[in-house]
Amino acid sequence: MRTVAEYKIHADKCRELANLVTTPTEKRILEEMAQSWEKLAELRRRDRESEREAHCEAGETSDAHPH
């Protein structure tokens, strides 16, 4: 599974490309792609928080189970 940072890198790359293209349609598509990557980053962040909470409730520590 990808990390939050990886998703954010993809979003940044889409925005960089959007600055290079000339047509409004291409810019819009790349911005939509960037937003999709950001949504994935947020979903992954929430998943990680849920995983940590589940481990804490089970009495586990992050040191015992590094990801």
PDB file of N, CA and C in Angstrom:
ATOM      1  N   MET A   1       0.849  -1.178   0.000  1.00  0.00           N
ATOM      2  CA  MET A   1       0.000   0.000   0.000  1.00  0.00           C
ATOM      3  C   MET A   1       0.895   1.241   0.000  1.00  0.00           C
ATOM      4  N   ARG A   2       0.488   2.232  -0.718  1.00  0.00           N
ATOM      5  CA  ARG A   2       1.256   3.466  -0.812  1.00  0.00           C
ATOM      6  C   ARG A   2       1.134   4.282   0.471  1.00  0.00           C
ATOM      7  N   THR A   3       2.081   5.195   0.647  1.00  0.00           N
ATOM      8  CA  THR A   3       2.062   6.056   1.829  1.00  0.00           C
ATOM      9  C   THR A   3       1.397   7.389   1.488  1.00  0.00           C
ATOM     10  N   VAL A   4       1.042   8.109   2.531  1.00  0.00           N
ATOM     11  CA  VAL A   4       0.460   9.444   2.358  1.00  0.00           C
ATOM     12  C   VAL A   4       1.411  10.318   1.541  1.00  0.00           C
ATOM     13  N   ALA A   5       2.691  10.253   1.868  1.00  0.00           N
ATOM     14  CA  ALA A   5       3.687  11.076   1.167  1.00  0.00           C
ATOM     15  C   ALA A   5       3.722  10.758  -0.324  1.00  0.00           C
ATOM     16  N   GLU A   6       3.611   9.483  -0.672  1.00  0.00           N
ATOM     17  CA  GLU A   6       3.624   9.114  -2.093  1.00  0.00           C
ATOM     18  C   GLU A   6       2.427   9.712  -2.830  1.00  0.00           C
ATOM     19  N   TYR A   7       1.268   9.646  -2.204  1.00  0.00           N
ATOM     20  CA  TYR A   7       0.076  10.230  -2.824  1.00  0.00           C
ATOM     21  C   TYR A   7       0.238  11.728  -3.028  1.00  0.00           C
ATOM     22  N   LYS A   8       0.809  12.385  -2.032  1.00  0.00           N
ATOM     23  CA  LYS A   8       1.004  13.839  -2.134  1.00  0.00           C
ATOM     24  C   LYS A   8       2.018  14.186  -3.224  1.00  0.00           C
ATOM     25  N   ILE A   9       3.020  13.359  -3.403  1.00  0.00           N
ATOM     26  CA  ILE A   9       3.996  13.581  -4.479  1.00  0.00           C
ATOM     27  C   ILE A   9       3.296  13.515  -5.829  1.00  0.00           C
ATOM     28  N   HIS A  10       2.417  12.543  -5.996  1.00  0.00           N
ATOM     29  CA  HIS A  10       1.676  12.431  -7.262  1.00  0.00           C
ATOM     30  C   HIS A  10       0.795  13.666  -7.491  1.00  0.00           C
ATOM     31  N   ALA A  11       0.175  14.150  -6.438  1.00  0.00           N
ATOM     32  CA  ALA A  11      -0.654  15.359  -6.563  1.00  0.00           C
ATOM     33  C   ALA A  11       0.202  16.545  -6.988  1.00  0.00           C
ATOM     34  N   ASP A  12       1.368  16.674  -6.377  1.00  0.00           N
ATOM     35  CA  ASP A  12       2.280  17.772  -6.732  1.00  0.00           C
ATOM     36  C   ASP A  12       2.734  17.675  -8.182  1.00  0.00           C
ATOM     37  N   LYS A  13       3.017  16.463  -8.635  1.00  0.00           N
ATOM     38  CA  LYS A  13       3.451  16.275 -10.021  1.00  0.00           C
ATOM     39  C   LYS A  13       2.345  16.654 -11.005  1.00  0.00           C
ATOM     40  N   CYS A  14       1.109  16.312 -10.659  1.00  0.00           N
ATOM     41  CA  CYS A  14      -0.013  16.696 -11.524  1.00  0.00           C
ATOM     42  C   CYS A  14      -0.118  18.215 -11.619  1.00  0.00           C
ATOM     43  N   ARG A  15       0.073  18.884 -10.511  1.00  0.00           N
ATOM     44  CA  ARG A  15       0.000  20.355 -10.524  1.00  0.00           C
ATOM     45  C   ARG A  15       1.169  20.965 -11.298  1.00  0.00           C
ATOM     46  N   GLU A  16       2.329  20.357 -11.186  1.00  0.00           N
ATOM     47  CA  GLU A  16       3.476  20.838 -11.976  1.00  0.00           C
ATOM     48  C   GLU A  16       3.184  20.705 -13.471  1.00  0.00           C
ATOM     49  N   LEU A  17       2.621  19.568 -13.851  1.00  0.00           N
ATOM     50  CA  LEU A  17       2.266  19.365 -15.260  1.00  0.00           C
ATOM     51  C   LEU A  17       1.178  20.346 -15.693  1.00  0.00           C
ATOM     52  N   ALA A  18       0.236  20.618 -14.805  1.00  0.00           N
ATOM     53  CA  ALA A  18      -0.839  21.562 -15.134  1.00  0.00           C
ATOM     54  C   ALA A  18      -0.274  22.939 -15.451  1.00  0.00           C
ATOM     55  N   ASN A  19       0.831  23.283 -14.813  1.00  0.00           N
ATOM     56  CA  ASN A  19       1.463  24.576 -15.087  1.00  0.00           C
ATOM     57  C   ASN A  19       2.181  24.596 -16.435  1.00  0.00           C
ATOM     58  N   LEU A  20       2.445  23.425 -16.980  1.00  0.00           N
ATOM     59  CA  LEU A  20       3.165  23.343 -18.255  1.00  0.00           C
ATOM     60  C   LEU A  20       2.258  23.254 -19.472  1.00  0.00           C
ATOM     61  N   VAL A  21       1.067  22.705 -19.281  1.00  0.00           N
ATOM     62  CA  VAL A  21       0.165  22.539 -20.426  1.00  0.00           C
ATOM     63  C   VAL A  21      -0.509  23.863 -20.764  1.00  0.00           C
ATOM     64  N   THR A  22      -1.026  23.938 -21.973  1.00  0.00           N
ATOM     65  CA  THR A  22      -1.564  25.216 -22.429  1.00  0.00           C
ATOM     66  C   THR A  22      -3.086  25.260 -22.551  1.00  0.00           C
ATOM     67  N   THR A  23      -3.718  24.115 -22.676  1.00  0.00           N
ATOM     68  CA  THR A  23      -5.169  24.167 -22.873  1.00  0.00           C
ATOM     69  C   THR A  23      -5.911  24.101 -21.538  1.00  0.00           C
ATOM     70  N   PRO A  24      -7.015  24.804 -21.436  1.00  0.00           N
ATOM     71  CA  PRO A  24      -7.811  24.763 -20.208  1.00  0.00           C
ATOM     72  C   PRO A  24      -8.288  23.348 -19.865  1.00  0.00           C
ATOM     73  N   THR A  25      -8.600  22.563 -20.882  1.00  0.00           N
ATOM     74  CA  THR A  25      -9.058  21.195 -20.636  1.00  0.00           C
ATOM     75  C   THR A  25      -7.969  20.362 -19.972  1.00  0.00           C
ATOM     76  N   GLU A  26      -6.758  20.458 -20.469  1.00  0.00           N
ATOM     77  CA  GLU A  26      -5.643  19.714 -19.869  1.00  0.00           C
ATOM     78  C   GLU A  26      -5.377  20.183 -18.444  1.00  0.00           C
ATOM     79  N   LYS A  27      -5.430  21.482 -18.237  1.00  0.00           N
ATOM     80  CA  LYS A  27      -5.217  22.020 -16.894  1.00  0.00           C
ATOM     81  C   LYS A  27      -6.278  21.492 -15.922  1.00  0.00           C
ATOM     82  N   ARG A  28      -7.526  21.489 -16.369  1.00  0.00           N
ATOM     83  CA  ARG A  28      -8.631  21.022 -15.528  1.00  0.00           C
ATOM     84  C   ARG A  28      -8.463  19.542 -15.194  1.00  0.00           C
ATOM     85  N   ILE A  29      -8.133  18.745 -16.189  1.00  0.00           N
ATOM     86  CA  ILE A  29      -7.958  17.306 -15.968  1.00  0.00           C
ATOM     87  C   ILE A  29      -6.829  17.047 -14.966  1.00  0.00           C
ATOM     88  N   LEU A  30      -5.719  17.735 -15.143  1.00  0.00           N
ATOM     89  CA  LEU A  30      -4.596  17.536 -14.230  1.00  0.00           C
ATOM     90  C   LEU A  30      -4.915  18.012 -12.819  1.00  0.00           C
ATOM     91  N   GLU A  31      -5.674  19.082 -12.698  1.00  0.00           N
ATOM     92  CA  GLU A  31      -6.090  19.545 -11.369  1.00  0.00           C
ATOM     93  C   GLU A  31      -7.026  18.529 -10.723  1.00  0.00           C
ATOM     94  N   GLU A  32      -7.927  17.958 -11.513  1.00  0.00           N
ATOM     95  CA  GLU A  32      -8.819  16.923 -10.987  1.00  0.00           C
ATOM     96  C   GLU A  32      -8.025  15.701 -10.540  1.00  0.00           C
ATOM     97  N   MET A  33      -7.008  15.360 -11.295  1.00  0.00           N
ATOM     98  CA  MET A  33      -6.149  14.240 -10.918  1.00  0.00           C
ATOM     99  C   MET A  33      -5.430  14.549  -9.604  1.00  0.00           C
ATOM    100  N   ALA A  34      -4.929  15.766  -9.478  1.00  0.00           N
ATOM    101  CA  ALA A  34      -4.249  16.172  -8.241  1.00  0.00           C
ATOM    102  C   ALA A  34      -5.202  16.064  -7.047  1.00  0.00           C
ATOM    103  N   GLN A  35      -6.423  16.507  -7.235  1.00  0.00           N
ATOM    104  CA  GLN A  35      -7.408  16.427  -6.157  1.00  0.00           C
ATOM    105  C   GLN A  35      -7.710  14.976  -5.792  1.00  0.00           C
ATOM    106  N   SER A  36      -7.733  14.107  -6.781  1.00  0.00           N
ATOM    107  CA  SER A  36      -7.963  12.685  -6.513  1.00  0.00           C
ATOM    108  C   SER A  36      -6.825  12.094  -5.691  1.00  0.00           C
ATOM    109  N   TRP A  37      -5.590  12.446  -6.043  1.00  0.00           N
ATOM    110  CA  TRP A  37      -4.441  11.972  -5.272  1.00  0.00           C
ATOM    111  C   TRP A  37      -4.506  12.486  -3.836  1.00  0.00           C
ATOM    112  N   GLU A  38      -4.940  13.746  -3.664  1.00  0.00           N
ATOM    113  CA  GLU A  38      -5.050  14.297  -2.315  1.00  0.00           C
ATOM    114  C   GLU A  38      -6.129  13.586  -1.509  1.00  0.00           C
ATOM    115  N   LYS A  39      -7.223  13.218  -2.165  1.00  0.00           N
ATOM    116  CA  LYS A  39      -8.270  12.461  -1.474  1.00  0.00           C
ATOM    117  C   LYS A  39      -7.741  11.101  -1.034  1.00  0.00           C
ATOM    118  N   LEU A  40      -6.968  10.466  -1.897  1.00  0.00           N
ATOM    119  CA  LEU A  40      -6.368   9.183  -1.533  1.00  0.00           C
ATOM    120  C   LEU A  40      -5.410   9.342  -0.352  1.00  0.00           C
ATOM    121  N   ALA A  41      -4.649  10.431  -0.350  1.00  0.00           N
ATOM    122  CA  ALA A  41      -3.729  10.692   0.760  1.00  0.00           C
ATOM    123  C   ALA A  41      -4.510  10.834   2.061  1.00  0.00           C
ATOM    124  N   GLU A  42      -5.613  11.550   2.019  1.00  0.00           N
ATOM    125  CA  GLU A  42      -6.431  11.744   3.216  1.00  0.00           C
ATOM    126  C   GLU A  42      -7.036  10.417   3.678  1.00  0.00           C
ATOM    127  N   LEU A  43      -7.515   9.609   2.745  1.00  0.00           N
ATOM    128  CA  LEU A  43      -8.069   8.312   3.112  1.00  0.00           C
ATOM    129  C   LEU A  43      -7.001   7.420   3.748  1.00  0.00           C
ATOM    130  N   ARG A  44      -5.815   7.446   3.184  1.00  0.00           N
ATOM    131  CA  ARG A  44      -4.720   6.637   3.741  1.00  0.00           C
ATOM    132  C   ARG A  44      -4.337   7.132   5.140  1.00  0.00           C
ATOM    133  N   ARG A  45      -4.312   8.454   5.311  1.00  0.00           N
ATOM    134  CA  ARG A  45      -3.998   9.019   6.627  1.00  0.00           C
ATOM    135  C   ARG A  45      -5.015   8.534   7.656  1.00  0.00           C
ATOM    136  N   ARG A  46      -6.285   8.552   7.288  1.00  0.00           N
ATOM    137  CA  ARG A  46      -7.338   8.098   8.203  1.00  0.00           C
ATOM    138  C   ARG A  46      -7.190   6.607   8.504  1.00  0.00           C
ATOM    139  N   ASP A  47      -6.852   5.821   7.480  1.00  0.00           N
ATOM    140  CA  ASP A  47      -6.629   4.389   7.684  1.00  0.00           C
ATOM    141  C   ASP A  47      -5.512   4.158   8.696  1.00  0.00           C
ATOM    142  N   ARG A  48      -4.422   4.908   8.535  1.00  0.00           N
ATOM    143  CA  ARG A  48      -3.293   4.754   9.458  1.00  0.00           C
ATOM    144  C   ARG A  48      -3.701   5.118  10.880  1.00  0.00           C
ATOM    145  N   GLU A  49      -4.493   6.183  11.028  1.00  0.00           N
ATOM    146  CA  GLU A  49      -4.962   6.569  12.364  1.00  0.00           C
ATOM    147  C   GLU A  49      -5.820   5.464  12.967  1.00  0.00           C
ATOM    148  N   SER A  50      -6.696   4.893  12.157  1.00  0.00           N
ATOM    149  CA  SER A  50      -7.556   3.808  12.638  1.00  0.00           C
ATOM    150  C   SER A  50      -6.720   2.600  13.050  1.00  0.00           C
ATOM    151  N   GLU A  51      -5.692   2.303  12.258  1.00  0.00           N
ATOM    152  CA  GLU A  51      -4.807   1.187  12.587  1.00  0.00           C
ATOM    153  C   GLU A  51      -4.113   1.431  13.924  1.00  0.00           C
ATOM    154  N   ARG A  52      -3.611   2.656  14.123  1.00  0.00           N
ATOM    155  CA  ARG A  52      -2.932   2.987  15.380  1.00  0.00           C
ATOM    156  C   ARG A  52      -3.894   2.886  16.561  1.00  0.00           C
ATOM    157  N   GLU A  53      -5.113   3.403  16.376  1.00  0.00           N
ATOM    158  CA  GLU A  53      -6.094   3.341  17.455  1.00  0.00           C
ATOM    159  C   GLU A  53      -6.430   1.895  17.799  1.00  0.00           C
ATOM    160  N   ALA A  54      -6.564   1.052  16.795  1.00  0.00           N
ATOM    161  CA  ALA A  54      -6.877  -0.354  17.034  1.00  0.00           C
ATOM    162  C   ALA A  54      -5.740  -1.030  17.794  1.00  0.00           C
ATOM    163  N   HIS A  55      -4.504  -0.698  17.435  1.00  0.00           N
ATOM    164  CA  HIS A  55      -3.358  -1.275  18.138  1.00  0.00           C
ATOM    165  C   HIS A  55      -3.304  -0.786  19.581  1.00  0.00           C
ATOM    166  N   CYS A  56      -3.604   0.483  19.795  1.00  0.00           N
ATOM    167  CA  CYS A  56      -3.579   1.038  21.156  1.00  0.00           C
ATOM    168  C   CYS A  56      -4.663   0.393  22.013  1.00  0.00           C
ATOM    169  N   GLU A  57      -5.847   0.220  21.435  1.00  0.00           N
ATOM    170  CA  GLU A  57      -6.943  -0.403  22.176  1.00  0.00           C
ATOM    171  C   GLU A  57      -6.613  -1.845  22.525  1.00  0.00           C
ATOM    172  N   ALA A  58      -5.811  -2.485  21.684  1.00  0.00           N
ATOM    173  CA  ALA A  58      -5.429  -3.873  21.933  1.00  0.00           C
ATOM    174  C   ALA A  58      -4.229  -3.954  22.874  1.00  0.00           C
ATOM    175  N   GLY A  59      -3.715  -2.794  23.305  1.00  0.00           N
ATOM    176  CA  GLY A  59      -2.590  -2.770  24.213  1.00  0.00           C
ATOM    177  C   GLY A  59      -1.251  -2.917  23.533  1.00  0.00           C
ATOM    178  N   GLU A  60      -1.234  -2.715  22.222  1.00  0.00           N
ATOM    179  CA  GLU A  60       0.013  -2.804  21.469  1.00  0.00           C
ATOM    180  C   GLU A  60       0.640  -1.435  21.343  1.00  0.00           C
ATOM    181  N   THR A  61       1.943  -1.403  21.089  1.00  0.00           N
ATOM    182  CA  THR A  61       2.620  -0.136  20.862  1.00  0.00           C
ATOM    183  C   THR A  61       3.146  -0.115  19.457  1.00  0.00           C
ATOM    184  N   SER A  62       3.411   1.086  18.933  1.00  0.00           N
ATOM    185  CA  SER A  62       3.955   1.202  17.589  1.00  0.00           C
ATOM    186  C   SER A  62       5.352   0.622  17.500  1.00  0.00           C
ATOM    187  N   ASP A  63       6.078   0.582  18.632  1.00  0.00           N
ATOM    188  CA  ASP A  63       7.418  -0.007  18.640  1.00  0.00           C
ATOM    189  C   ASP A  63       7.364  -1.512  18.414  1.00  0.00           C
ATOM    190  N   ALA A  64       6.290  -2.135  18.902  1.00  0.00           N
ATOM    191  CA  ALA A  64       6.177  -3.577  18.776  1.00  0.00           C
ATOM    192  C   ALA A  64       5.796  -4.001  17.374  1.00  0.00           C
ATOM    193  N   HIS A  65       5.104  -3.113  16.647  1.00  0.00           N
ATOM    194  CA  HIS A  65       4.644  -3.449  15.309  1.00  0.00           C
ATOM    195  C   HIS A  65       4.946  -2.311  14.332  1.00  0.00           C
ATOM    196  N   PRO A  66       6.187  -2.138  13.938  1.00  0.00           N
ATOM    197  CA  PRO A  66       6.493  -1.063  12.989  1.00  0.00           C
ATOM    198  C   PRO A  66       5.899  -1.359  11.624  1.00  0.00           C
ATOM    199  N   HIS A  67       5.475  -0.304  10.934  1.00  0.00           N
ATOM    200  CA  HIS A  67       4.878  -0.476   9.586  1.00  0.00           C
ATOM    201  C   HIS A  67       5.789   0.112   8.570  1.00  0.00           C
TER     202      HIS A  67
END
